[in-house]
Protein backbone atom coordinates (compact mmCIF):
# COMPACT_ATOMS: atom_id res chain seq x y z
CA MET A 1 -12.41 -94.60 47.88
CA LYS A 2 -10.93 -97.01 45.36
CA THR A 3 -7.15 -97.21 45.17
CA ASN A 4 -5.68 -97.94 41.75
CA ILE A 5 -2.67 -100.03 42.73
CA PRO A 6 -1.00 -101.54 39.65
CA SER A 7 -1.49 -105.28 39.40
CA TRP A 8 2.25 -105.88 38.98
CA LEU A 9 2.89 -104.09 42.27
CA GLN A 10 0.25 -106.19 44.03
CA GLN A 11 1.72 -109.40 42.65
CA THR A 12 5.24 -108.34 43.65
CA ALA A 13 4.07 -107.66 47.20
CA ILE A 14 2.39 -111.08 47.36
CA LEU A 15 5.52 -112.85 46.11
CA LEU A 16 7.71 -111.01 48.63
CA LEU A 17 5.23 -111.89 51.38
CA TRP A 18 5.60 -115.56 50.46
CA GLY A 19 9.36 -115.13 50.71
CA LEU A 20 9.03 -113.55 54.15
CA VAL A 21 6.83 -116.40 55.43
CA TYR A 22 9.28 -118.93 53.99
CA TYR A 23 12.20 -117.15 55.65
CA LEU A 24 10.49 -116.92 59.06
CA SER A 25 9.43 -120.57 58.93
CA GLY A 26 13.05 -121.49 58.30
CA LEU A 27 14.29 -119.39 61.21
CA MET A 28 11.73 -121.00 63.49
CA SER A 29 12.79 -124.47 62.31
CA LEU A 30 16.46 -123.75 62.93
CA LYS A 31 15.66 -122.93 66.57
CA PHE A 32 15.09 -126.66 67.06
CA ASP A 33 18.09 -127.81 65.05
CA ASP A 34 20.04 -130.70 66.57
CA THR A 35 23.78 -130.54 66.02
CA ASN A 36 23.97 -134.34 66.29
CA SER A 37 21.67 -134.80 63.30
CA ALA A 38 22.95 -134.61 59.73
CA ILE A 39 19.81 -132.77 58.58
CA ALA A 40 17.19 -130.60 60.23
CA ILE A 41 14.44 -132.71 61.80
CA VAL A 42 12.02 -129.80 62.20
CA TRP A 43 11.79 -128.16 58.78
CA PHE A 44 8.69 -126.17 57.83
CA PRO A 45 9.79 -124.27 54.66
CA PRO A 46 8.74 -127.12 52.30
CA GLY A 47 5.19 -126.81 53.61
CA VAL A 48 5.20 -123.06 52.97
CA ALA A 49 6.60 -123.64 49.48
CA VAL A 50 3.92 -126.22 48.64
CA ALA A 51 1.19 -123.82 49.82
CA ALA A 52 2.69 -121.06 47.67
CA PHE A 53 2.85 -123.25 44.56
CA LEU A 54 -0.71 -124.44 45.17
CA SER A 55 -1.95 -120.85 45.36
CA ALA A 56 0.20 -119.04 42.78
CA ARG A 57 -0.22 -118.84 39.04
CA TRP A 58 2.04 -120.97 36.89
CA ARG A 59 3.90 -117.95 35.50
CA HIS A 60 4.94 -116.92 39.02
CA TYR A 61 6.71 -120.21 39.77
CA PRO A 62 10.18 -119.05 38.57
CA ALA A 63 9.96 -115.90 40.70
CA LEU A 64 8.85 -117.92 43.73
CA ILE A 65 11.71 -120.39 43.30
CA LEU A 66 14.21 -117.53 43.09
CA ILE A 67 12.75 -115.83 46.18
CA PHE A 68 12.78 -119.07 48.18
CA VAL A 69 16.38 -119.80 47.22
CA LEU A 70 17.44 -116.31 48.30
CA ALA A 71 15.52 -116.74 51.57
CA SER A 72 17.37 -120.01 52.20
CA VAL A 73 20.71 -118.29 51.62
CA LEU A 74 19.72 -115.63 54.16
CA GLN A 75 18.71 -118.32 56.65
CA ASP A 76 22.09 -120.02 56.28
CA ARG A 77 23.95 -116.69 56.34
CA ALA A 78 25.92 -118.06 53.43
CA TRP A 79 27.05 -114.85 51.77
CA GLN A 80 30.46 -114.58 53.44
CA ASN A 81 32.38 -116.35 50.67
CA LEU A 82 31.66 -117.72 47.22
CA PRO A 83 32.01 -121.50 47.90
CA THR A 84 29.64 -121.34 50.89
CA PHE A 85 27.19 -119.25 48.88
CA LEU A 86 27.22 -121.68 45.94
CA ILE A 87 26.73 -124.70 48.23
CA SER A 88 23.77 -123.02 49.93
CA VAL A 89 22.22 -122.11 46.58
CA GLY A 90 22.72 -125.68 45.36
CA TYR A 91 21.03 -127.25 48.38
CA SER A 92 18.20 -124.70 48.16
CA LEU A 93 17.59 -125.50 44.50
CA LEU A 94 17.54 -129.22 45.29
CA GLU A 95 14.65 -128.62 47.71
CA MET A 96 12.44 -126.98 45.10
CA PRO A 97 11.61 -129.79 42.58
CA ALA A 98 9.81 -131.93 45.18
CA ASN A 99 7.66 -129.00 46.34
CA VAL A 100 6.82 -127.96 42.78
CA LEU A 101 5.99 -131.54 41.80
CA ILE A 102 3.62 -132.06 44.73
CA ALA A 103 1.74 -128.87 43.88
CA TRP A 104 1.66 -129.72 40.17
CA ILE A 105 0.23 -133.19 40.81
CA VAL A 106 -2.53 -131.79 43.02
CA ARG A 107 -3.43 -129.00 40.59
CA ARG A 108 -3.21 -131.21 37.51
CA PHE A 109 -5.15 -134.26 38.68
CA ALA A 110 -7.50 -132.90 41.37
CA ARG A 111 -11.22 -133.06 40.65
CA PRO A 112 -12.69 -129.62 41.44
CA ASN A 113 -15.99 -131.04 42.62
CA ASP A 114 -14.44 -133.56 44.98
CA ASP A 115 -12.64 -132.05 47.97
CA LEU A 116 -11.88 -135.44 49.47
CA HIS A 117 -10.11 -136.47 46.27
CA VAL A 118 -8.00 -133.29 46.44
CA ILE A 119 -6.92 -134.01 50.01
CA ILE A 120 -6.12 -137.67 49.36
CA LEU A 121 -4.16 -136.69 46.26
CA TRP A 122 -2.17 -134.16 48.30
CA ILE A 123 -1.43 -136.72 51.05
CA CYS A 124 -0.39 -139.49 48.65
CA SER A 125 1.75 -137.22 46.46
CA THR A 126 3.46 -135.83 49.57
CA PHE A 127 4.39 -139.34 50.76
CA VAL A 128 5.62 -140.54 47.36
CA ILE A 129 7.52 -137.42 46.30
CA SER A 130 9.03 -136.96 49.76
CA MET A 131 10.31 -140.51 49.71
CA LEU A 132 11.90 -140.04 46.29
CA ASP A 133 13.37 -136.72 47.44
CA ALA A 134 14.80 -138.33 50.57
CA LEU A 135 16.33 -141.18 48.59
CA ILE A 136 17.96 -138.88 46.06
CA VAL A 137 18.86 -135.75 48.03
CA ALA A 138 19.28 -136.99 51.60
CA GLY A 139 20.75 -140.29 50.44
CA GLY A 140 23.19 -138.53 48.14
CA TYR A 141 24.22 -136.15 50.89
CA ALA A 142 24.76 -139.04 53.32
CA PHE A 143 26.79 -140.98 50.75
CA PHE A 144 29.18 -138.13 49.95
CA SER A 145 29.49 -136.84 53.53
CA GLY A 146 29.96 -140.21 55.22
CA GLN A 147 26.73 -140.04 57.27
CA PRO A 148 24.57 -143.11 58.07
CA ILE A 149 22.59 -143.52 54.86
CA MET A 150 19.39 -145.19 56.13
CA THR A 151 19.10 -142.91 59.17
CA THR A 152 19.62 -139.80 57.07
CA ILE A 153 17.09 -140.92 54.45
CA TRP A 154 14.50 -141.74 57.13
CA ASN A 155 15.00 -138.45 58.97
CA GLY A 156 14.82 -136.51 55.71
CA PHE A 157 11.61 -138.28 54.68
CA VAL A 158 9.87 -137.68 58.03
CA ALA A 159 11.04 -134.06 58.16
CA ASP A 160 9.66 -133.36 54.67
CA VAL A 161 6.32 -135.11 55.24
CA THR A 162 5.64 -133.62 58.66
CA GLY A 163 6.81 -130.17 57.59
CA ILE A 164 4.52 -130.21 54.55
CA PHE A 165 1.48 -131.56 56.40
CA PHE A 166 1.82 -129.06 59.23
CA ALA A 167 2.94 -125.88 57.45
CA THR A 168 0.76 -126.31 54.36
CA THR A 169 -2.31 -126.82 56.53
CA VAL A 170 -1.54 -123.71 58.59
CA VAL A 171 -0.80 -121.47 55.59
CA MET A 172 -3.71 -122.66 53.44
CA GLY A 173 -6.09 -121.94 56.29
CA PHE A 174 -5.21 -118.26 55.92
CA VAL A 175 -4.94 -118.25 52.12
CA ASN A 176 -8.08 -120.23 51.28
CA LYS A 177 -11.10 -117.92 51.30
CA ARG A 178 -13.74 -120.62 51.16
CA GLY A 179 -16.23 -120.23 53.92
CA HIS A 180 -14.76 -116.85 54.84
CA GLN A 181 -17.09 -114.60 56.82
CA ALA A 182 -16.70 -110.86 57.06
CA PHE A 183 -17.46 -111.11 60.78
CA LEU A 184 -18.38 -113.71 63.35
CA PRO A 185 -21.26 -113.47 65.82
CA TRP A 186 -20.01 -112.35 69.21
CA THR A 187 -20.99 -115.70 70.70
CA LYS A 188 -18.71 -117.57 68.27
CA LEU A 189 -15.99 -114.96 68.72
CA LEU A 190 -15.99 -115.35 72.50
CA GLY A 191 -16.33 -119.11 72.24
CA GLY A 192 -13.32 -119.24 69.93
CA PHE A 193 -11.22 -117.13 72.28
CA ALA A 194 -12.18 -119.44 75.15
CA LEU A 195 -11.13 -122.46 73.11
CA LEU A 196 -7.85 -120.82 72.11
CA LEU A 197 -7.00 -119.99 75.71
CA SER A 198 -7.91 -123.53 76.72
CA ILE A 199 -5.58 -124.92 74.03
CA CYS A 200 -2.73 -122.77 75.32
CA ALA A 201 -3.29 -123.58 78.99
CA LEU A 202 -3.87 -127.30 78.54
CA THR A 203 -0.95 -127.78 76.12
CA VAL A 204 1.43 -125.88 78.41
CA PHE A 205 0.31 -128.01 81.37
CA ILE A 206 0.64 -131.33 79.52
CA PHE A 207 3.89 -130.71 77.66
CA GLY A 208 5.44 -128.51 80.35
CA TYR A 209 4.62 -130.97 83.13
CA SER A 210 7.81 -131.43 85.15
CA ASP A 211 6.64 -133.69 87.99
CA THR A 212 7.18 -137.45 87.80
CA TRP A 213 3.84 -138.74 89.09
CA LEU A 214 2.00 -138.87 85.74
CA LYS A 215 5.04 -140.30 83.95
CA THR A 216 5.63 -143.08 86.45
CA GLU A 217 2.26 -143.78 88.08
CA ALA A 218 -0.18 -143.01 85.26
CA PRO A 219 1.63 -143.01 81.88
CA ALA A 220 -1.54 -144.08 80.04
CA LEU A 221 -3.40 -141.10 81.48
CA TYR A 222 -0.51 -138.84 80.50
CA PHE A 223 -0.74 -139.95 76.88
CA ALA A 224 -4.53 -139.67 76.93
CA LEU A 225 -4.29 -136.08 78.13
CA SER A 226 -2.16 -135.23 75.09
CA CYS A 227 -5.23 -135.90 72.92
CA LEU A 228 -7.27 -133.13 74.56
CA PRO A 229 -5.48 -130.24 72.78
CA ILE A 230 -6.25 -132.00 69.49
CA VAL A 231 -9.95 -132.12 70.33
CA LEU A 232 -9.96 -128.43 71.28
CA SER A 233 -8.13 -127.51 68.07
CA LEU A 234 -10.75 -129.34 66.02
CA MET A 235 -13.51 -127.52 67.90
CA LEU A 236 -11.81 -124.19 67.18
CA ALA A 237 -11.70 -125.10 63.48
CA LEU A 238 -15.45 -125.70 63.61
CA VAL A 239 -16.19 -122.44 65.44
CA TRP A 240 -13.79 -120.05 63.67
CA GLY A 241 -13.48 -121.83 60.32
CA ASN A 242 -10.30 -122.22 58.27
CA ARG A 243 -8.34 -119.47 59.95
CA GLY A 244 -9.37 -120.62 63.40
CA GLY A 245 -8.07 -124.08 62.65
CA SER A 246 -4.77 -122.64 61.45
CA ILE A 247 -4.42 -120.42 64.53
CA GLY A 248 -5.12 -123.33 66.87
CA LEU A 249 -2.72 -125.62 65.00
CA LEU A 250 0.03 -123.00 64.97
CA VAL A 251 -0.28 -122.30 68.70
CA LEU A 252 -0.37 -126.02 69.49
CA GLY A 253 2.67 -126.68 67.30
CA LEU A 254 4.80 -123.92 68.82
CA ILE A 255 4.10 -125.08 72.37
CA VAL A 256 4.60 -128.78 71.64
CA ILE A 257 7.90 -128.34 69.80
CA HIS A 258 9.17 -125.84 72.37
CA PHE A 259 8.71 -128.18 75.33
CA THR A 260 9.87 -131.24 73.38
CA ASP A 261 13.04 -129.37 72.50
CA MET A 262 13.47 -128.71 76.25
CA HIS A 263 13.26 -132.48 76.91
CA GLN A 264 9.77 -132.25 78.42
CA GLY A 265 6.40 -133.70 77.60
CA PRO A 266 4.91 -137.14 76.89
CA PHE A 267 7.14 -137.68 73.84
CA PHE A 268 10.39 -137.33 75.72
CA LEU A 269 10.50 -140.90 76.98
CA HIS A 270 13.28 -142.79 78.66
CA LYS A 271 15.92 -144.17 76.25
CA LEU A 272 14.66 -141.99 73.36
CA SER A 273 17.05 -139.50 71.79
CA LEU A 274 16.09 -135.90 71.13
CA VAL A 275 15.73 -136.67 67.42
CA GLU A 276 13.32 -139.53 68.11
CA SER A 277 11.30 -137.36 70.51
CA LEU A 278 11.07 -134.58 67.93
CA LEU A 279 9.93 -137.07 65.31
CA LEU A 280 7.15 -138.23 67.65
CA ALA A 281 6.11 -134.64 68.31
CA LEU A 282 6.08 -133.85 64.58
CA SER A 283 4.02 -136.96 63.87
CA TYR A 284 1.58 -135.84 66.58
CA LEU A 285 1.28 -132.40 64.94
CA SER A 286 0.94 -133.89 61.45
CA ALA A 287 -1.92 -136.12 62.59
CA THR A 288 -3.61 -133.07 64.12
CA ALA A 289 -3.12 -131.12 60.89
CA LEU A 290 -4.69 -133.88 58.80
CA LEU A 291 -7.67 -134.08 61.17
CA ILE A 292 -8.17 -130.32 60.80
CA VAL A 293 -8.01 -130.68 57.00
CA PHE A 294 -10.74 -133.32 57.09
CA VAL A 295 -12.83 -131.11 59.40
CA ARG A 296 -12.57 -128.39 56.76
CA VAL A 297 -13.79 -130.84 54.13
CA LEU A 298 -16.76 -131.77 56.30
CA ARG A 299 -17.62 -128.10 56.90
CA ARG A 300 -17.52 -127.41 53.17
CA SER A 301 -19.72 -130.41 52.44
CA THR A 302 -22.46 -128.89 54.60
CA THR A 303 -22.42 -125.67 52.56
CA ARG A 304 -25.40 -125.51 50.24
CA PHE A 305 -24.24 -125.69 46.63
CA ASN A 306 -25.27 -127.33 43.39
CA PRO A 307 -23.17 -130.52 42.94
CA ASP A 308 -23.04 -130.06 39.15
CA THR A 309 -21.98 -126.42 38.96
CA GLY A 310 -20.74 -125.68 42.46
CA ARG A 311 -23.19 -122.75 42.65
CA LEU A 312 -23.32 -121.48 46.20
CA SER A 313 -26.59 -120.60 47.89
CA GLY A 314 -27.70 -116.99 47.67
CA ASN A 315 -29.54 -114.63 45.35
CA GLY A 316 -26.52 -113.65 43.27
CA VAL A 317 -26.71 -110.78 40.76
CA LEU A 318 -29.54 -110.47 38.23
CA TYR A 319 -29.05 -109.00 34.76
CA ARG A 320 -31.02 -108.15 31.63
CA LEU A 321 -29.34 -108.47 28.24
CA GLU A 322 -30.68 -107.02 24.99
CA PRO A 323 -29.33 -109.38 22.31
CA GLU A 324 -29.87 -106.87 19.48
CA THR A 325 -27.80 -104.11 21.07
CA GLY A 326 -25.60 -106.18 23.37
CA LYS A 327 -26.48 -103.89 26.27
CA PHE A 328 -26.48 -105.15 29.88
CA THR A 329 -28.62 -103.84 32.73
CA TRP A 330 -27.65 -105.09 36.19
CA GLU A 331 -30.29 -105.28 38.89
CA ASN A 332 -27.85 -105.74 41.79
CA ASP A 333 -24.45 -104.51 42.91
CA LEU A 334 -21.75 -106.41 41.03
CA SER A 335 -19.21 -105.71 43.77
CA SER A 336 -20.68 -108.56 45.81
CA LEU A 337 -19.13 -110.90 43.24
CA LEU A 338 -16.30 -108.97 41.62
CA ASP A 339 -14.76 -106.79 44.36
CA SER A 340 -16.02 -103.23 43.83
CA ALA A 341 -16.66 -103.66 40.12
CA SER A 342 -18.24 -100.69 38.36
CA LEU A 343 -21.45 -101.25 36.40
CA THR A 344 -20.05 -99.19 33.52
CA GLU A 345 -17.29 -101.78 33.10
CA PHE A 346 -19.94 -104.44 32.38
CA ASP A 347 -22.66 -102.57 30.48
CA THR A 348 -22.07 -104.28 27.10
CA VAL A 349 -21.32 -107.79 25.92
CA GLU A 350 -17.93 -106.71 24.58
CA LYS A 351 -16.88 -105.26 27.93
CA VAL A 352 -18.10 -108.31 29.83
CA LEU A 353 -16.27 -110.73 27.54
CA SER A 354 -13.07 -108.68 27.86
CA HIS A 355 -13.01 -109.64 31.57
CA VAL A 356 -13.83 -113.30 30.92
CA HIS A 357 -11.07 -115.90 30.65
CA PRO A 358 -10.07 -116.35 26.97
CA SER A 359 -10.90 -120.06 27.10
CA ASP A 360 -14.48 -119.30 28.28
CA ARG A 361 -15.42 -116.35 26.03
CA GLU A 362 -16.81 -118.36 23.15
CA LYS A 363 -18.71 -120.65 25.52
CA LEU A 364 -20.39 -117.68 27.22
CA ASN A 365 -21.09 -115.96 23.91
CA GLN A 366 -22.87 -119.05 22.60
CA HIS A 367 -24.76 -119.33 25.89
CA TRP A 368 -26.41 -115.98 25.18
CA PHE A 369 -26.79 -115.88 21.42
CA ASN A 370 -26.90 -119.41 20.02
CA SER A 371 -29.54 -120.98 22.24
CA MET A 372 -32.45 -122.43 20.24
CA SER A 373 -34.85 -122.43 23.20
CA SER A 374 -36.17 -119.75 25.54
CA GLN A 375 -34.55 -121.50 28.54
CA HIS A 376 -30.75 -121.19 28.50
CA ASP A 377 -28.50 -123.86 29.97
CA THR A 378 -26.37 -123.22 33.03
CA VAL A 379 -22.76 -122.37 32.20
CA ILE A 380 -19.64 -122.09 34.37
CA PHE A 381 -17.01 -119.51 33.44
CA ARG A 382 -14.00 -117.67 34.84
CA ILE A 383 -13.80 -113.91 35.10
CA LYS A 384 -11.10 -111.53 36.32
CA SER A 385 -11.90 -109.35 39.32
CA ASN A 386 -10.46 -105.91 40.01
CA ASN A 387 -7.94 -107.63 42.28
CA ASP A 388 -6.53 -109.36 39.20
CA GLU A 389 -7.77 -112.77 40.38
CA TRP A 390 -9.68 -115.32 38.32
CA LEU A 391 -13.02 -116.12 39.91
CA THR A 392 -15.38 -118.90 38.89
CA LEU A 393 -19.01 -117.85 38.41
CA VAL A 394 -22.19 -119.60 37.31
CA ASP A 395 -24.60 -118.06 34.80
CA SER A 396 -27.90 -119.73 35.55
CA GLY A 397 -31.57 -119.13 35.00
CA GLY A 398 -31.17 -117.48 31.61
CA ILE A 399 -34.60 -116.99 30.02
CA THR A 400 -35.42 -115.26 26.72
CA MET A 401 -38.64 -113.25 26.87
CA ALA A 402 -40.43 -110.55 24.95
CA ASN A 403 -40.15 -106.93 26.09
CA ALA A 404 -42.29 -104.56 24.02
CA ASP A 405 -41.06 -105.05 20.41
CA SER A 406 -37.74 -106.71 21.29
CA LEU A 407 -36.38 -109.73 23.12
CA ILE A 408 -34.37 -109.68 26.32
CA ILE A 409 -32.45 -112.35 28.22
CA VAL A 410 -32.89 -112.40 31.98
CA GLY A 411 -30.13 -114.24 33.83
CA ASN A 412 -28.34 -114.59 37.11
CA TRP A 413 -24.68 -114.71 38.15
CA GLN A 414 -23.66 -116.52 41.29
CA SER A 415 -20.38 -117.54 42.91
CA SER A 416 -19.19 -121.08 42.30
CA HIS A 417 -17.77 -123.45 44.89
CA TYR A 418 -15.20 -124.78 42.44
CA ASP A 419 -12.79 -121.86 42.20
CA LEU A 420 -11.76 -122.66 45.80
CA ALA A 421 -11.04 -126.36 45.49
CA ILE A 422 -7.67 -126.35 47.26
């Protein structure tokens, strides 16, 4: 049974969910806060914010910024008096421009048919914008509060970069639907559970190791063992896909940071402070996150799709169009593409074009009615699903043929790879 939930209510729920994830990531980060450090070394909210801005529509940015600022105020418990509240709001607002700018650069300059370009653009923009943010925000804070300027800038830069690499990778693994499967074969399901348990057990052993033998007698072996959870996490990403990689990375991160915060593990070395050990642990997790991102790119590159249109493999949905009457007849269930779409909503050209993105309506109209040959060119267009999301489809195989005393156009709609570039 179809539930008619208003689109504004769905969007509000999504925005509030982003705020909840942002809030929880901040609470988790504060658990590892070091009172001797001027700023938080472990800070995941920027990564959540970047993922939100990468996924949301432009018009939702102001609402997201407001929600994230309010979540930061709740994290700081800064509502007791007006000066504390205003300071918390000010610091929270200063965090937002860098996150918005990183997402804008990726969305503005990314090439939709080049996943590797998207990832490199995200990495480079994160480094550059985080450095500028650290120089301006962290440096300004250090200058006015009397903290060591270079140390504060460096810690702020590393905290932003590692937080974005780790948290954005985790969140986007759940948000990104590319390669999503409704179910996994039981062999992959059991294999994934075995890998997840192995990640937990091995990471707890390595980072919770309290004896001195490995640290003193075989330090090289101890560091080598710390690479095994990374390998298992990559294998989980291959077996379970995007979400599996995020689950493995999240579990690995929680265990690593927990034991590092307890002064245990291969990163808590002699003569290193807690801040330096946390920075090593965060760098370790960031490297793992980037490896998982590149594994995702490799998995997508093996998916069969047309490099020009991004058309994914599969039969798609066939249609017949009568140009004289503008009537559509669909041969397959449209819900496979458009989320429980009713055929009556797409039985005429006017109704179909009403769902198409305004920028693509004329292009699609010309595709059907202004072709001078019997073979129509392939065209890519965006259409709104019943979930109020813009999907990218490919209209391919359009052929004009005679049917009794009239002409009909036979075509095919298929999902495109390019609506899921991030």
